[in-house]
Amino acid sequence: MKRLFILTGLIVCLAFNIDYYGQEKFGIVIHGGAGVIKDLPADLENQYKAKLSEALEAGYKILESGGSSLDAVTKAINIMEDSPLFNAGKGAVLNDLGFAELDASIMDGSNLNAGAVAGIRHIKNPINLARLVMEKSPHVMLIGQGAEEFAFHNSFEYVDSTYFITERRFRQYIRMKKQRDSAETLKGTVGAVALDKNGNLAAGTSTGGMMLKKFGRVGDSPIIGAGTYANNNTCAVSATGHGEFFIRLGVAKDISDLMEYKKMSLNEAADIVINKKLVGFDGDGGVIAIDRYGNYAMPFNTPGMFRGVKISDGAREVKIYK
């Protein structure tokens, strides 16, 4: 009889995504961009891994203490936005005129609310402004001067546009200006997805876009359904790569739709979209994703993707290469 009771309890735990000790499974997955990442010097590789670990642990700590997936995603992205290592916030790539133009979005899987900003130049943490758009406005996306005016009316701290420019990015900008006809393109993104103890999913993405972009170009990062998507019924997704292809394919929502309508697992849906559909259009990049059960996926079709995961069942890793 005792064995039957234990077995029944374990079945109930599995059915409702609860571990044996009564706590729901939760976790966070992050990325710092995908692309031609190879043969990094050991000291630089260690810097990337240390910063990814810092962001991962900060987000996980919020979840562990019972905080929301939205707070965990925001915190993890803030840490990467503040680091000059990534193409988001400080250290973002520069547009054709030599300015950083920043995009970000965030989505709440519990109610499908979302917020996004694009083409901003004076807000230190774009993901925070995207969240404010979601929570304090009737709109989903604000751009450029309008987004910054909204920030001003909500007492956001402005920074001079030079804050975002690092010596490393400026050198890259000058080199690529001289080699404009070359095929080299610098792009990247940071993002996070999380599942909290209440079973709520959230996703967020922040980026500086493409080096030397012109005419107010906006990629997939602030586009809900392309670079960011979260739905408690399926999964949360944040993308990184060549944004034009992610927009055309609606990559983030496509993964969710395959799960919802074709009943695919998270791994199967993410793999098909990144390694078959995206590759079929010669698009490069990857995604991070987590589903409502705490399963995660991190597929990419490039040489590397800065990424990390920490789940309450003990799974933890920080990686760069395949």
Protein backbone atom coordinates (compact mmCIF):
# COMPACT_ATOMS: atom_id res chain seq x y z
CA MET A 1 0.00 0.00 0.00
CA LYS A 2 2.86 2.36 0.89
CA ARG A 3 4.54 1.71 -2.47
CA LEU A 4 1.27 2.43 -4.27
CA PHE A 5 0.97 5.76 -2.44
CA ILE A 6 4.51 6.79 -3.38
CA LEU A 7 3.99 5.78 -7.02
CA THR A 8 0.73 7.72 -7.19
CA GLY A 9 2.42 10.77 -5.71
CA LEU A 10 5.21 10.66 -8.25
CA ILE A 11 2.72 10.42 -11.13
CA VAL A 12 0.86 13.47 -9.80
CA CYS A 13 4.12 15.40 -9.49
CA LEU A 14 5.06 14.65 -13.08
CA ALA A 15 1.62 15.55 -14.37
CA PHE A 16 1.63 18.95 -12.70
CA ASN A 17 5.32 19.79 -13.20
CA ILE A 18 6.07 19.55 -9.49
CA ASP A 19 9.15 17.92 -8.04
CA TYR A 20 8.99 15.26 -5.33
CA TYR A 21 9.35 17.86 -2.58
CA GLY A 22 6.32 19.86 -3.74
CA GLN A 23 8.11 22.69 -5.56
CA GLU A 24 7.33 23.51 -9.15
CA LYS A 25 10.16 23.18 -11.65
CA PHE A 26 11.54 26.54 -12.73
CA GLY A 27 14.55 27.91 -14.59
CA ILE A 28 16.14 30.42 -16.90
CA VAL A 29 17.96 30.28 -20.25
CA ILE A 30 20.04 33.16 -21.65
CA HIS A 31 21.99 34.01 -24.79
CA GLY A 32 24.52 36.66 -25.74
CA GLY A 33 24.30 36.37 -29.52
CA ALA A 34 25.08 33.84 -32.25
CA GLY A 35 27.41 34.11 -35.23
CA VAL A 36 30.90 33.40 -36.47
CA ILE A 37 32.29 32.88 -32.98
CA LYS A 38 35.45 30.80 -32.97
CA ASP A 39 38.96 30.65 -31.59
CA LEU A 40 38.44 33.34 -28.96
CA PRO A 41 41.55 34.10 -26.87
CA ALA A 42 41.35 32.24 -23.58
CA ASP A 43 41.09 35.40 -21.48
CA LEU A 44 38.24 36.79 -23.61
CA GLU A 45 36.43 33.45 -23.56
CA ASN A 46 36.67 33.46 -19.78
CA GLN A 47 35.26 36.99 -19.65
CA TYR A 48 32.25 35.95 -21.72
CA LYS A 49 31.61 32.88 -19.60
CA ALA A 50 31.94 34.88 -16.38
CA LYS A 51 29.45 37.51 -17.52
CA LEU A 52 27.01 34.90 -18.81
CA SER A 53 27.28 33.10 -15.47
CA GLU A 54 26.66 36.35 -13.60
CA ALA A 55 23.51 37.07 -15.63
CA LEU A 56 22.33 33.47 -15.31
CA GLU A 57 22.78 33.33 -11.54
CA ALA A 58 21.15 36.72 -10.99
CA GLY A 59 18.06 35.68 -12.92
CA TYR A 60 17.92 32.28 -11.26
CA LYS A 61 18.20 33.80 -7.78
CA ILE A 62 15.03 35.81 -8.44
CA LEU A 63 13.18 32.68 -9.53
CA GLU A 64 14.48 30.67 -6.61
CA SER A 65 13.17 33.24 -4.14
CA GLY A 66 9.72 33.11 -5.72
CA GLY A 67 10.11 36.10 -8.02
CA SER A 68 8.48 36.43 -11.41
CA SER A 69 9.82 35.25 -14.74
CA LEU A 70 9.52 38.86 -15.99
CA ASP A 71 11.81 40.10 -13.21
CA ALA A 72 14.31 37.30 -13.86
CA VAL A 73 14.42 38.02 -17.59
CA THR A 74 14.78 41.76 -17.03
CA LYS A 75 17.61 41.35 -14.51
CA ALA A 76 19.60 38.92 -16.64
CA ILE A 77 19.31 41.17 -19.70
CA ASN A 78 20.27 44.27 -17.69
CA ILE A 79 23.55 42.63 -16.72
CA MET A 80 24.36 41.86 -20.36
CA GLU A 81 23.22 45.32 -21.53
CA ASP A 82 25.62 46.88 -19.02
CA SER A 83 28.54 44.76 -20.21
CA PRO A 84 30.68 46.01 -23.14
CA LEU A 85 31.13 42.40 -24.27
CA PHE A 86 27.76 42.13 -26.01
CA ASN A 87 25.92 43.89 -28.82
CA ALA A 88 23.28 45.43 -26.57
CA GLY A 89 23.36 48.55 -24.42
CA LYS A 90 26.94 49.58 -23.69
CA GLY A 91 29.16 48.10 -26.39
CA ALA A 92 26.44 47.95 -29.03
CA VAL A 93 27.49 48.15 -32.68
CA LEU A 94 27.22 51.49 -34.48
CA ASN A 95 24.99 52.51 -37.36
CA ASP A 96 26.26 54.10 -40.57
CA LEU A 97 26.41 57.52 -38.90
CA GLY A 98 28.41 56.25 -35.93
CA PHE A 99 25.60 56.11 -33.34
CA ALA A 100 24.26 53.19 -31.35
CA GLU A 101 20.58 52.61 -32.16
CA LEU A 102 19.01 50.17 -29.75
CA ASP A 103 15.99 47.84 -29.93
CA ALA A 104 14.37 45.63 -27.29
CA SER A 105 11.19 43.73 -26.48
CA ILE A 106 9.65 41.73 -23.66
CA MET A 107 6.59 39.47 -23.40
CA ASP A 108 4.51 38.07 -20.56
CA GLY A 109 3.36 34.53 -21.30
CA SER A 110 0.57 34.64 -18.72
CA ASN A 111 -1.53 37.18 -20.63
CA LEU A 112 0.33 37.74 -23.95
CA ASN A 113 1.05 41.36 -23.04
CA ALA A 114 4.17 42.71 -24.72
CA GLY A 115 6.24 45.84 -25.03
CA ALA A 116 8.94 46.92 -27.47
CA VAL A 117 11.12 49.89 -28.41
CA ALA A 118 13.22 50.51 -31.50
CA GLY A 119 15.79 53.02 -32.69
CA ILE A 120 16.51 54.60 -29.30
CA ARG A 121 19.82 56.34 -28.55
CA HIS A 122 19.73 57.66 -24.99
CA ILE A 123 18.24 55.00 -22.71
CA LYS A 124 20.79 52.97 -20.75
CA ASN A 125 18.71 49.78 -20.50
CA PRO A 126 16.33 49.40 -23.45
CA ILE A 127 14.71 46.26 -22.01
CA ASN A 128 13.47 48.32 -19.04
CA LEU A 129 11.80 50.80 -21.39
CA ALA A 130 10.24 47.96 -23.38
CA ARG A 131 8.78 46.61 -20.14
CA LEU A 132 7.44 50.05 -19.25
CA VAL A 133 5.72 50.23 -22.63
CA MET A 134 4.10 46.88 -21.85
CA GLU A 135 3.02 47.81 -18.35
CA LYS A 136 2.26 51.55 -18.57
CA SER A 137 1.00 52.21 -22.09
CA PRO A 138 -1.82 50.94 -24.31
CA HIS A 139 0.70 50.22 -27.08
CA VAL A 140 3.08 47.39 -27.93
CA MET A 141 5.87 49.25 -29.73
CA LEU A 142 7.27 52.77 -29.54
CA ILE A 143 10.14 53.99 -31.72
CA GLY A 144 12.81 56.66 -31.84
CA GLN A 145 11.97 60.09 -30.46
CA GLY A 146 8.51 58.98 -29.34
CA ALA A 147 9.93 56.14 -27.28
CA GLU A 148 12.43 58.48 -25.63
CA GLU A 149 9.73 61.08 -24.93
CA PHE A 150 7.70 58.32 -23.24
CA ALA A 151 10.79 57.46 -21.19
CA PHE A 152 11.26 61.12 -20.20
CA HIS A 153 7.64 61.42 -18.99
CA ASN A 154 8.23 58.33 -16.86
CA SER A 155 11.42 59.66 -15.25
CA PHE A 156 13.82 57.34 -17.07
CA GLU A 157 17.49 58.23 -16.81
CA TYR A 158 18.91 59.60 -20.06
CA VAL A 159 22.53 58.97 -21.04
CA ASP A 160 24.59 60.68 -23.69
CA SER A 161 24.85 58.64 -26.90
CA THR A 162 28.61 58.34 -26.33
CA TYR A 163 27.92 56.12 -23.29
CA PHE A 164 27.26 53.16 -25.57
CA ILE A 165 30.42 53.52 -27.67
CA THR A 166 33.40 51.45 -26.58
CA GLU A 167 36.90 51.64 -28.03
CA ARG A 168 36.54 48.12 -29.39
CA ARG A 169 33.32 48.90 -31.26
CA PHE A 170 34.68 52.18 -32.60
CA ARG A 171 37.73 50.41 -34.04
CA GLN A 172 35.43 47.85 -35.69
CA TYR A 173 33.28 50.67 -37.05
CA ILE A 174 36.26 52.46 -38.63
CA ARG A 175 37.64 49.22 -40.09
CA MET A 176 34.34 48.23 -41.62
CA LYS A 177 33.75 51.73 -42.97
CA LYS A 178 36.99 51.36 -44.93
CA GLN A 179 36.08 47.84 -46.05
CA ARG A 180 32.47 48.58 -46.95
CA ASP A 181 32.52 46.20 -49.91
CA SER A 182 33.57 43.25 -47.76
CA ALA A 183 31.09 40.58 -46.74
CA GLU A 184 31.83 41.07 -43.04
CA THR A 185 28.78 41.92 -40.94
CA LEU A 186 28.73 42.34 -37.21
CA LYS A 187 25.46 41.60 -35.47
CA GLY A 188 24.29 40.06 -32.25
CA THR A 189 21.74 40.17 -29.50
CA VAL A 190 21.20 39.31 -25.87
CA GLY A 191 18.12 37.60 -24.53
CA ALA A 192 16.57 35.58 -21.73
CA VAL A 193 13.59 33.28 -21.23
CA ALA A 194 12.32 32.03 -17.89
CA LEU A 195 9.74 29.86 -16.15
CA ASP A 196 8.89 30.84 -12.58
CA LYS A 197 7.45 28.86 -9.66
CA ASN A 198 3.94 29.98 -10.55
CA GLY A 199 4.24 28.43 -13.99
CA ASN A 200 4.48 31.76 -15.82
CA LEU A 201 6.74 32.16 -18.84
CA ALA A 202 8.47 35.32 -20.04
CA ALA A 203 10.89 36.25 -22.82
CA GLY A 204 13.01 39.30 -23.55
CA THR A 205 15.52 40.39 -26.19
CA SER A 206 17.80 43.44 -26.52
CA THR A 207 20.19 44.45 -29.30
CA GLY A 208 22.22 47.09 -31.08
CA GLY A 209 21.32 45.54 -34.43
CA MET A 210 23.76 45.40 -37.35
CA MET A 211 26.99 47.32 -37.70
CA LEU A 212 26.68 50.13 -40.29
CA LYS A 213 22.89 49.75 -40.58
CA LYS A 214 21.24 52.58 -42.49
CA PHE A 215 17.89 54.35 -42.82
CA GLY A 216 16.54 53.42 -39.39
CA ARG A 217 16.81 49.68 -39.99
CA VAL A 218 15.04 47.55 -37.37
CA GLY A 219 15.65 43.82 -36.99
CA ASP A 220 13.68 41.05 -35.34
CA SER A 221 14.58 41.73 -31.70
CA PRO A 222 11.73 44.18 -31.01
CA ILE A 223 9.26 42.31 -33.22
CA ILE A 224 6.86 40.19 -31.18
CA GLY A 225 6.60 36.77 -32.82
CA ALA A 226 9.88 37.15 -34.69
CA GLY A 227 12.61 37.76 -32.12
CA THR A 228 10.59 37.40 -28.92
CA TYR A 229 7.52 35.39 -27.91
CA ALA A 230 6.04 33.89 -24.74
CA ASN A 231 2.84 31.94 -24.14
CA ASN A 232 2.11 29.95 -20.98
CA ASN A 233 0.40 27.30 -23.08
CA THR A 234 3.59 26.52 -25.00
CA CYS A 235 6.95 28.19 -24.50
CA ALA A 236 9.05 31.35 -24.27
CA VAL A 237 11.56 32.16 -27.05
CA SER A 238 14.31 34.72 -27.65
CA ALA A 239 16.15 34.78 -30.98
CA THR A 240 19.50 35.96 -32.27
CA GLY A 241 20.89 36.12 -35.80
CA HIS A 242 20.17 37.73 -39.16
CA GLY A 243 16.99 39.55 -38.24
CA GLU A 244 15.50 39.93 -41.69
CA PHE A 245 15.08 36.16 -41.97
CA PHE A 246 13.65 35.83 -38.47
CA ILE A 247 11.04 38.46 -39.34
CA ARG A 248 10.08 36.80 -42.62
CA LEU A 249 9.62 33.43 -40.96
CA GLY A 250 8.14 34.67 -37.70
CA VAL A 251 10.61 32.36 -35.99
CA ALA A 252 9.69 32.78 -32.32
CA LYS A 253 5.95 32.29 -32.77
CA ASP A 254 6.47 29.54 -35.34
CA ILE A 255 8.12 27.44 -32.63
CA SER A 256 5.17 28.07 -30.33
CA ASP A 257 2.68 27.29 -33.10
CA LEU A 258 4.33 23.99 -33.97
CA MET A 259 4.00 22.99 -30.34
CA GLU A 260 0.40 24.16 -30.05
CA TYR A 261 -1.04 22.95 -33.33
CA LYS A 262 1.20 20.04 -34.27
CA LYS A 263 1.84 18.90 -30.70
CA MET A 264 5.61 18.87 -31.20
CA SER A 265 8.02 18.89 -28.30
CA LEU A 266 10.02 22.07 -27.68
CA ASN A 267 13.23 20.48 -28.95
CA GLU A 268 11.61 19.19 -32.11
CA ALA A 269 9.89 22.49 -32.93
CA ALA A 270 12.98 24.61 -32.28
CA ASP A 271 15.22 22.29 -34.29
CA ILE A 272 12.91 22.30 -37.33
CA VAL A 273 12.65 26.09 -37.36
CA ILE A 274 16.36 26.84 -36.86
CA ASN A 275 18.06 23.97 -38.66
CA LYS A 276 15.59 23.35 -41.47
CA LYS A 277 13.30 26.31 -42.17
CA LEU A 278 15.85 29.04 -41.42
CA VAL A 279 18.68 27.20 -43.16
CA GLY A 280 16.39 26.72 -46.17
CA PHE A 281 16.35 30.51 -46.57
CA ASP A 282 20.12 30.82 -45.95
CA GLY A 283 19.37 32.48 -42.64
CA ASP A 284 21.80 32.15 -39.75
CA GLY A 285 21.28 32.36 -36.03
CA GLY A 286 19.70 30.54 -33.13
CA VAL A 287 17.17 30.68 -30.32
CA ILE A 288 16.87 29.91 -26.65
CA ALA A 289 13.55 28.55 -25.43
CA ILE A 290 11.88 27.06 -22.37
CA ASP A 291 8.49 25.39 -22.19
CA ARG A 292 5.86 25.28 -19.45
CA TYR A 293 7.34 22.06 -18.07
CA GLY A 294 10.87 23.41 -17.70
CA ASN A 295 12.26 21.70 -20.79
CA TYR A 296 14.72 23.91 -22.66
CA ALA A 297 16.29 24.18 -26.13
CA MET A 298 19.22 26.19 -27.49
CA PRO A 299 19.61 25.32 -31.20
CA PHE A 300 21.78 27.40 -33.54
CA ASN A 301 23.18 26.96 -37.05
CA THR A 302 26.28 29.13 -36.65
CA PRO A 303 29.76 28.21 -35.37
CA GLY A 304 28.86 29.49 -31.93
CA MET A 305 26.27 31.06 -29.65
CA PHE A 306 26.94 32.56 -26.24
CA ARG A 307 24.43 30.76 -24.02
CA GLY A 308 23.63 29.45 -20.58
CA VAL A 309 20.90 27.58 -18.71
CA LYS A 310 20.03 26.84 -15.10
CA ILE A 311 17.01 24.70 -14.18
CA SER A 312 15.84 23.73 -10.70
CA ASP A 313 16.31 20.03 -11.47
CA GLY A 314 20.07 20.59 -11.42
CA ALA A 315 20.75 21.27 -15.08
CA ARG A 316 23.35 24.03 -15.49
CA GLU A 317 25.78 24.95 -18.24
CA VAL A 318 27.42 27.95 -19.88
CA LYS A 319 28.74 27.41 -23.40
CA ILE A 320 29.97 29.23 -26.48
CA TYR A 321 30.74 26.67 -29.17
CA LYS A 322 28.89 23.60 -30.40
